Amino acid sequence: MLIISDSSPLICFIKINRLDILQKLFSEVIVPPIVYEEVQRIKPLGFEVDEFLQAQWITVQKPTNETLVSDLSLKVDDAEAEAIALAKEIAPDFLLIDERKGTSLARNMGIKTIGVVGIVIRAKDKKIISEGKVLLDELRTKPKFWISEDVYRLALGMLGED
């Protein structure tokens, strides 16, 4: 499976040292250059990004449709714009994105999306992790990934851990 990723989901998994989940779920992760740069910016904050930088299964690819990137940049941040434009060009299995506006925009363009919570559910489903709640709780505390209480409870139900 192939995904294209925005910055924030990658950063979340890096901050909890679980980038391996993405590797085990997907054969290839493609990121636009701006996402690659944004991930590197967390290193001075004390987070280990070497695994990300050295991963053979993560590749950097620039979207070719600059007009689309410009148009999207008027609606979402630059990393989301490049990720969405690249997903439109490549048609991956999923675009890994969490921001509501970017997710809605991508879906309206016919792009299948998945977020961090969806990754956790999928990882448990594929037996990559044994407990999703532990991972969700860690995501909520370490990188301070915001998950509404409703989504959290729904996810726990889907994980069979409510």
C-alpha atoms as a PDB file:
ATOM      1  CA  MET A   1       0.000   0.000   0.000  1.00  0.00           C
ATOM      2  CA  LEU A   2       1.070   3.509  -0.791  1.00  0.00           C
ATOM      3  CA  ILE A   3       0.263   6.639   1.181  1.00  0.00           C
ATOM      4  CA  ILE A   4       1.137  10.292   0.940  1.00  0.00           C
ATOM      5  CA  SER A   5       1.512  12.050   4.265  1.00  0.00           C
ATOM      6  CA  ASP A   6       1.103  15.519   5.663  1.00  0.00           C
ATOM      7  CA  SER A   7       3.457  16.662   8.437  1.00  0.00           C
ATOM      8  CA  SER A   8       1.432  16.428  11.625  1.00  0.00           C
ATOM      9  CA  PRO A   9       0.634  12.684  11.544  1.00  0.00           C
ATOM     10  CA  LEU A  10       4.284  11.842  10.865  1.00  0.00           C
ATOM     11  CA  ILE A  11       5.403  14.147  13.653  1.00  0.00           C
ATOM     12  CA  CYS A  12       2.952  12.499  16.065  1.00  0.00           C
ATOM     13  CA  PHE A  13       4.321   9.031  15.378  1.00  0.00           C
ATOM     14  CA  ILE A  14       7.923  10.278  15.555  1.00  0.00           C
ATOM     15  CA  LYS A  15       7.281  11.949  18.923  1.00  0.00           C
ATOM     16  CA  ILE A  16       6.060   8.673  20.430  1.00  0.00           C
ATOM     17  CA  ASN A  17       8.812   6.645  18.695  1.00  0.00           C
ATOM     18  CA  ARG A  18       6.322   4.565  16.690  1.00  0.00           C
ATOM     19  CA  LEU A  19       7.169   5.415  13.087  1.00  0.00           C
ATOM     20  CA  ASP A  20       7.453   1.635  12.666  1.00  0.00           C
ATOM     21  CA  ILE A  21       3.650   1.405  12.640  1.00  0.00           C
ATOM     22  CA  LEU A  22       3.535   3.291   9.340  1.00  0.00           C
ATOM     23  CA  GLN A  23       6.274   1.112   7.893  1.00  0.00           C
ATOM     24  CA  LYS A  24       4.431  -2.058   8.842  1.00  0.00           C
ATOM     25  CA  LEU A  25       1.086  -0.809   7.494  1.00  0.00           C
ATOM     26  CA  PHE A  26       2.316   0.709   4.235  1.00  0.00           C
ATOM     27  CA  SER A  27       4.996  -0.389   1.826  1.00  0.00           C
ATOM     28  CA  GLU A  28       5.773   3.187   0.841  1.00  0.00           C
ATOM     29  CA  VAL A  29       5.171   6.645   2.264  1.00  0.00           C
ATOM     30  CA  ILE A  30       5.651   9.629  -0.025  1.00  0.00           C
ATOM     31  CA  VAL A  31       6.012  13.127   1.352  1.00  0.00           C
ATOM     32  CA  PRO A  32       6.293  16.442  -0.449  1.00  0.00           C
ATOM     33  CA  PRO A  33       9.485  18.456   0.173  1.00  0.00           C
ATOM     34  CA  ILE A  34       7.800  20.907   2.553  1.00  0.00           C
ATOM     35  CA  VAL A  35       6.606  18.023   4.760  1.00  0.00           C
ATOM     36  CA  TYR A  36      10.141  16.615   4.808  1.00  0.00           C
ATOM     37  CA  GLU A  37      11.417  20.039   5.940  1.00  0.00           C
ATOM     38  CA  GLU A  38       8.729  20.463   8.600  1.00  0.00           C
ATOM     39  CA  VAL A  39       9.515  17.084  10.142  1.00  0.00           C
ATOM     40  CA  GLN A  40      13.201  18.036  10.413  1.00  0.00           C
ATOM     41  CA  ARG A  41      12.248  21.159  12.397  1.00  0.00           C
ATOM     42  CA  ILE A  42      11.326  19.085  15.458  1.00  0.00           C
ATOM     43  CA  LYS A  43      14.896  17.836  15.917  1.00  0.00           C
ATOM     44  CA  PRO A  44      16.110  20.975  17.765  1.00  0.00           C
ATOM     45  CA  LEU A  45      13.143  20.469  20.121  1.00  0.00           C
ATOM     46  CA  GLY A  46      14.712  17.195  21.283  1.00  0.00           C
ATOM     47  CA  PHE A  47      12.891  14.695  19.087  1.00  0.00           C
ATOM     48  CA  GLU A  48      14.739  11.965  17.216  1.00  0.00           C
ATOM     49  CA  VAL A  49      14.160  12.283  13.463  1.00  0.00           C
ATOM     50  CA  ASP A  50      17.034  10.136  12.171  1.00  0.00           C
ATOM     51  CA  GLU A  51      14.780   7.110  11.661  1.00  0.00           C
ATOM     52  CA  PHE A  52      12.556   9.259   9.447  1.00  0.00           C
ATOM     53  CA  LEU A  53      15.485  10.778   7.532  1.00  0.00           C
ATOM     54  CA  GLN A  54      17.121   7.386   6.898  1.00  0.00           C
ATOM     55  CA  ALA A  55      13.985   5.379   6.120  1.00  0.00           C
ATOM     56  CA  GLN A  56      14.222   3.737   2.699  1.00  0.00           C
ATOM     57  CA  TRP A  57      10.441   3.354   2.627  1.00  0.00           C
ATOM     58  CA  ILE A  58       9.873   7.122   2.827  1.00  0.00           C
ATOM     59  CA  THR A  59      10.487   9.081  -0.355  1.00  0.00           C
ATOM     60  CA  VAL A  60      10.250  12.757  -1.157  1.00  0.00           C
ATOM     61  CA  GLN A  61       8.386  13.845  -4.259  1.00  0.00           C
ATOM     62  CA  LYS A  62       7.376  17.311  -5.370  1.00  0.00           C
ATOM     63  CA  PRO A  63       3.917  17.813  -6.847  1.00  0.00           C
ATOM     64  CA  THR A  64       4.111  18.896 -10.484  1.00  0.00           C
ATOM     65  CA  ASN A  65       0.874  20.886 -10.646  1.00  0.00           C
ATOM     66  CA  GLU A  66       2.060  24.223  -9.225  1.00  0.00           C
ATOM     67  CA  THR A  67      -1.270  25.878 -10.079  1.00  0.00           C
ATOM     68  CA  LEU A  68      -3.147  23.377  -7.940  1.00  0.00           C
ATOM     69  CA  VAL A  69      -0.657  23.840  -5.097  1.00  0.00           C
ATOM     70  CA  SER A  70      -1.148  27.634  -5.293  1.00  0.00           C
ATOM     71  CA  ASP A  71      -4.925  27.306  -5.330  1.00  0.00           C
ATOM     72  CA  LEU A  72      -4.906  24.918  -2.387  1.00  0.00           C
ATOM     73  CA  SER A  73      -2.495  27.164  -0.454  1.00  0.00           C
ATOM     74  CA  LEU A  74      -5.237  29.780  -0.334  1.00  0.00           C
ATOM     75  CA  LYS A  75      -7.362  27.344   1.696  1.00  0.00           C
ATOM     76  CA  VAL A  76      -4.894  25.277   3.772  1.00  0.00           C
ATOM     77  CA  ASP A  77      -1.270  25.505   4.894  1.00  0.00           C
ATOM     78  CA  ASP A  78       1.525  24.885   2.398  1.00  0.00           C
ATOM     79  CA  ALA A  79       2.332  21.349   3.590  1.00  0.00           C
ATOM     80  CA  GLU A  80      -1.296  20.285   3.309  1.00  0.00           C
ATOM     81  CA  ALA A  81      -1.559  21.950  -0.096  1.00  0.00           C
ATOM     82  CA  GLU A  82       1.459  20.056  -1.440  1.00  0.00           C
ATOM     83  CA  ALA A  83       0.308  16.763   0.105  1.00  0.00           C
ATOM     84  CA  ILE A  84      -3.202  17.106  -1.344  1.00  0.00           C
ATOM     85  CA  ALA A  85      -1.874  18.115  -4.784  1.00  0.00           C
ATOM     86  CA  LEU A  86       0.546  15.175  -4.768  1.00  0.00           C
ATOM     87  CA  ALA A  87      -2.251  12.801  -3.744  1.00  0.00           C
ATOM     88  CA  LYS A  88      -4.361  14.081  -6.629  1.00  0.00           C
ATOM     89  CA  GLU A  89      -1.489  13.355  -9.043  1.00  0.00           C
ATOM     90  CA  ILE A  90      -0.440   9.938  -7.719  1.00  0.00           C
ATOM     91  CA  ALA A  91      -3.757   8.521  -6.453  1.00  0.00           C
ATOM     92  CA  PRO A  92      -2.347   6.697  -3.397  1.00  0.00           C
ATOM     93  CA  ASP A  93      -4.325   4.273  -1.277  1.00  0.00           C
ATOM     94  CA  PHE A  94      -4.645   7.051   1.323  1.00  0.00           C
ATOM     95  CA  LEU A  95      -3.631  10.600   2.115  1.00  0.00           C
ATOM     96  CA  LEU A  96      -2.530  10.673   5.764  1.00  0.00           C
ATOM     97  CA  ILE A  97      -3.877  13.967   7.070  1.00  0.00           C
ATOM     98  CA  ASP A  98      -5.609  15.087  10.250  1.00  0.00           C
ATOM     99  CA  GLU A  99      -6.594  18.708   9.906  1.00  0.00           C
ATOM    100  CA  ARG A 100     -10.333  18.989   9.359  1.00  0.00           C
ATOM    101  CA  LYS A 101     -10.207  21.575   6.575  1.00  0.00           C
ATOM    102  CA  GLY A 102      -7.534  19.729   4.604  1.00  0.00           C
ATOM    103  CA  THR A 103      -9.293  16.393   5.061  1.00  0.00           C
ATOM    104  CA  SER A 104     -12.579  17.823   3.819  1.00  0.00           C
ATOM    105  CA  LEU A 105     -10.895  19.479   0.848  1.00  0.00           C
ATOM    106  CA  ALA A 106      -9.088  16.262  -0.117  1.00  0.00           C
ATOM    107  CA  ARG A 107     -12.234  14.160   0.173  1.00  0.00           C
ATOM    108  CA  ASN A 108     -14.139  16.653  -1.985  1.00  0.00           C
ATOM    109  CA  MET A 109     -11.443  16.094  -4.616  1.00  0.00           C
ATOM    110  CA  GLY A 110     -12.009  12.324  -4.498  1.00  0.00           C
ATOM    111  CA  ILE A 111      -8.937  11.500  -2.403  1.00  0.00           C
ATOM    112  CA  LYS A 112      -9.250   8.778   0.249  1.00  0.00           C
ATOM    113  CA  THR A 113      -7.955  10.005   3.588  1.00  0.00           C
ATOM    114  CA  ILE A 114      -6.947   8.458   6.878  1.00  0.00           C
ATOM    115  CA  GLY A 115      -5.870  10.139  10.100  1.00  0.00           C
ATOM    116  CA  VAL A 116      -3.811   9.218  13.128  1.00  0.00           C
ATOM    117  CA  VAL A 117      -6.768   7.598  14.912  1.00  0.00           C
ATOM    118  CA  GLY A 118      -7.545   5.588  11.777  1.00  0.00           C
ATOM    119  CA  ILE A 119      -3.932   4.420  11.671  1.00  0.00           C
ATOM    120  CA  VAL A 120      -4.153   3.225  15.276  1.00  0.00           C
ATOM    121  CA  ILE A 121      -7.371   1.319  14.547  1.00  0.00           C
ATOM    122  CA  ARG A 122      -5.884  -0.189  11.388  1.00  0.00           C
ATOM    123  CA  ALA A 123      -2.666  -1.148  13.236  1.00  0.00           C
ATOM    124  CA  LYS A 124      -4.612  -3.063  15.877  1.00  0.00           C
ATOM    125  CA  ASP A 125      -6.790  -4.652  13.224  1.00  0.00           C
ATOM    126  CA  LYS A 126      -3.634  -5.889  11.439  1.00  0.00           C
ATOM    127  CA  LYS A 127      -2.156  -7.040  14.791  1.00  0.00           C
ATOM    128  CA  ILE A 128       0.765  -4.610  14.557  1.00  0.00           C
ATOM    129  CA  ILE A 129      -0.143  -3.342  18.019  1.00  0.00           C
ATOM    130  CA  SER A 130      -1.964  -5.205  20.770  1.00  0.00           C
ATOM    131  CA  GLU A 131      -3.597  -2.236  22.505  1.00  0.00           C
ATOM    132  CA  GLY A 132      -4.890   0.871  20.787  1.00  0.00           C
ATOM    133  CA  LYS A 133      -5.939   2.705  23.952  1.00  0.00           C
ATOM    134  CA  VAL A 134      -2.373   2.842  25.234  1.00  0.00           C
ATOM    135  CA  LEU A 135      -1.230   4.354  21.941  1.00  0.00           C
ATOM    136  CA  LEU A 136      -4.124   6.848  21.802  1.00  0.00           C
ATOM    137  CA  ASP A 137      -3.379   7.930  25.371  1.00  0.00           C
ATOM    138  CA  GLU A 138       0.294   8.350  24.549  1.00  0.00           C
ATOM    139  CA  LEU A 139      -0.598  10.414  21.477  1.00  0.00           C
ATOM    140  CA  ARG A 140      -2.809  12.632  23.611  1.00  0.00           C
ATOM    141  CA  THR A 141      -0.038  13.276  26.135  1.00  0.00           C
ATOM    142  CA  LYS A 142       3.380  13.234  24.429  1.00  0.00           C
ATOM    143  CA  PRO A 143       2.810  15.128  21.189  1.00  0.00           C
ATOM    144  CA  LYS A 144      -0.384  16.546  22.711  1.00  0.00           C
ATOM    145  CA  PHE A 145      -2.357  15.314  19.716  1.00  0.00           C
ATOM    146  CA  TRP A 146      -5.893  16.589  20.179  1.00  0.00           C
ATOM    147  CA  ILE A 147      -8.605  13.953  19.989  1.00  0.00           C
ATOM    148  CA  SER A 148     -12.111  15.005  20.971  1.00  0.00           C
ATOM    149  CA  GLU A 149     -13.706  12.941  23.709  1.00  0.00           C
ATOM    150  CA  ASP A 150     -16.375  11.734  21.252  1.00  0.00           C
ATOM    151  CA  VAL A 151     -13.773  10.545  18.710  1.00  0.00           C
ATOM    152  CA  TYR A 152     -11.713   8.989  21.509  1.00  0.00           C
ATOM    153  CA  ARG A 153     -14.723   7.009  22.809  1.00  0.00           C
ATOM    154  CA  LEU A 154     -15.738   6.016  19.269  1.00  0.00           C
ATOM    155  CA  ALA A 155     -12.187   4.829  18.554  1.00  0.00           C
ATOM    156  CA  LEU A 156     -12.100   2.806  21.777  1.00  0.00           C
ATOM    157  CA  GLY A 157     -15.359   1.160  20.733  1.00  0.00           C
ATOM    158  CA  MET A 158     -13.934   0.321  17.306  1.00  0.00           C
ATOM    159  CA  LEU A 159     -10.829  -1.059  18.999  1.00  0.00           C
ATOM    160  CA  GLY A 160     -12.974  -3.150  21.327  1.00  0.00           C
ATOM    161  CA  GLU A 161     -11.323  -1.443  24.265  1.00  0.00           C
ATOM    162  CA  ASP A 162     -14.168   0.613  25.699  1.00  0.00           C
END
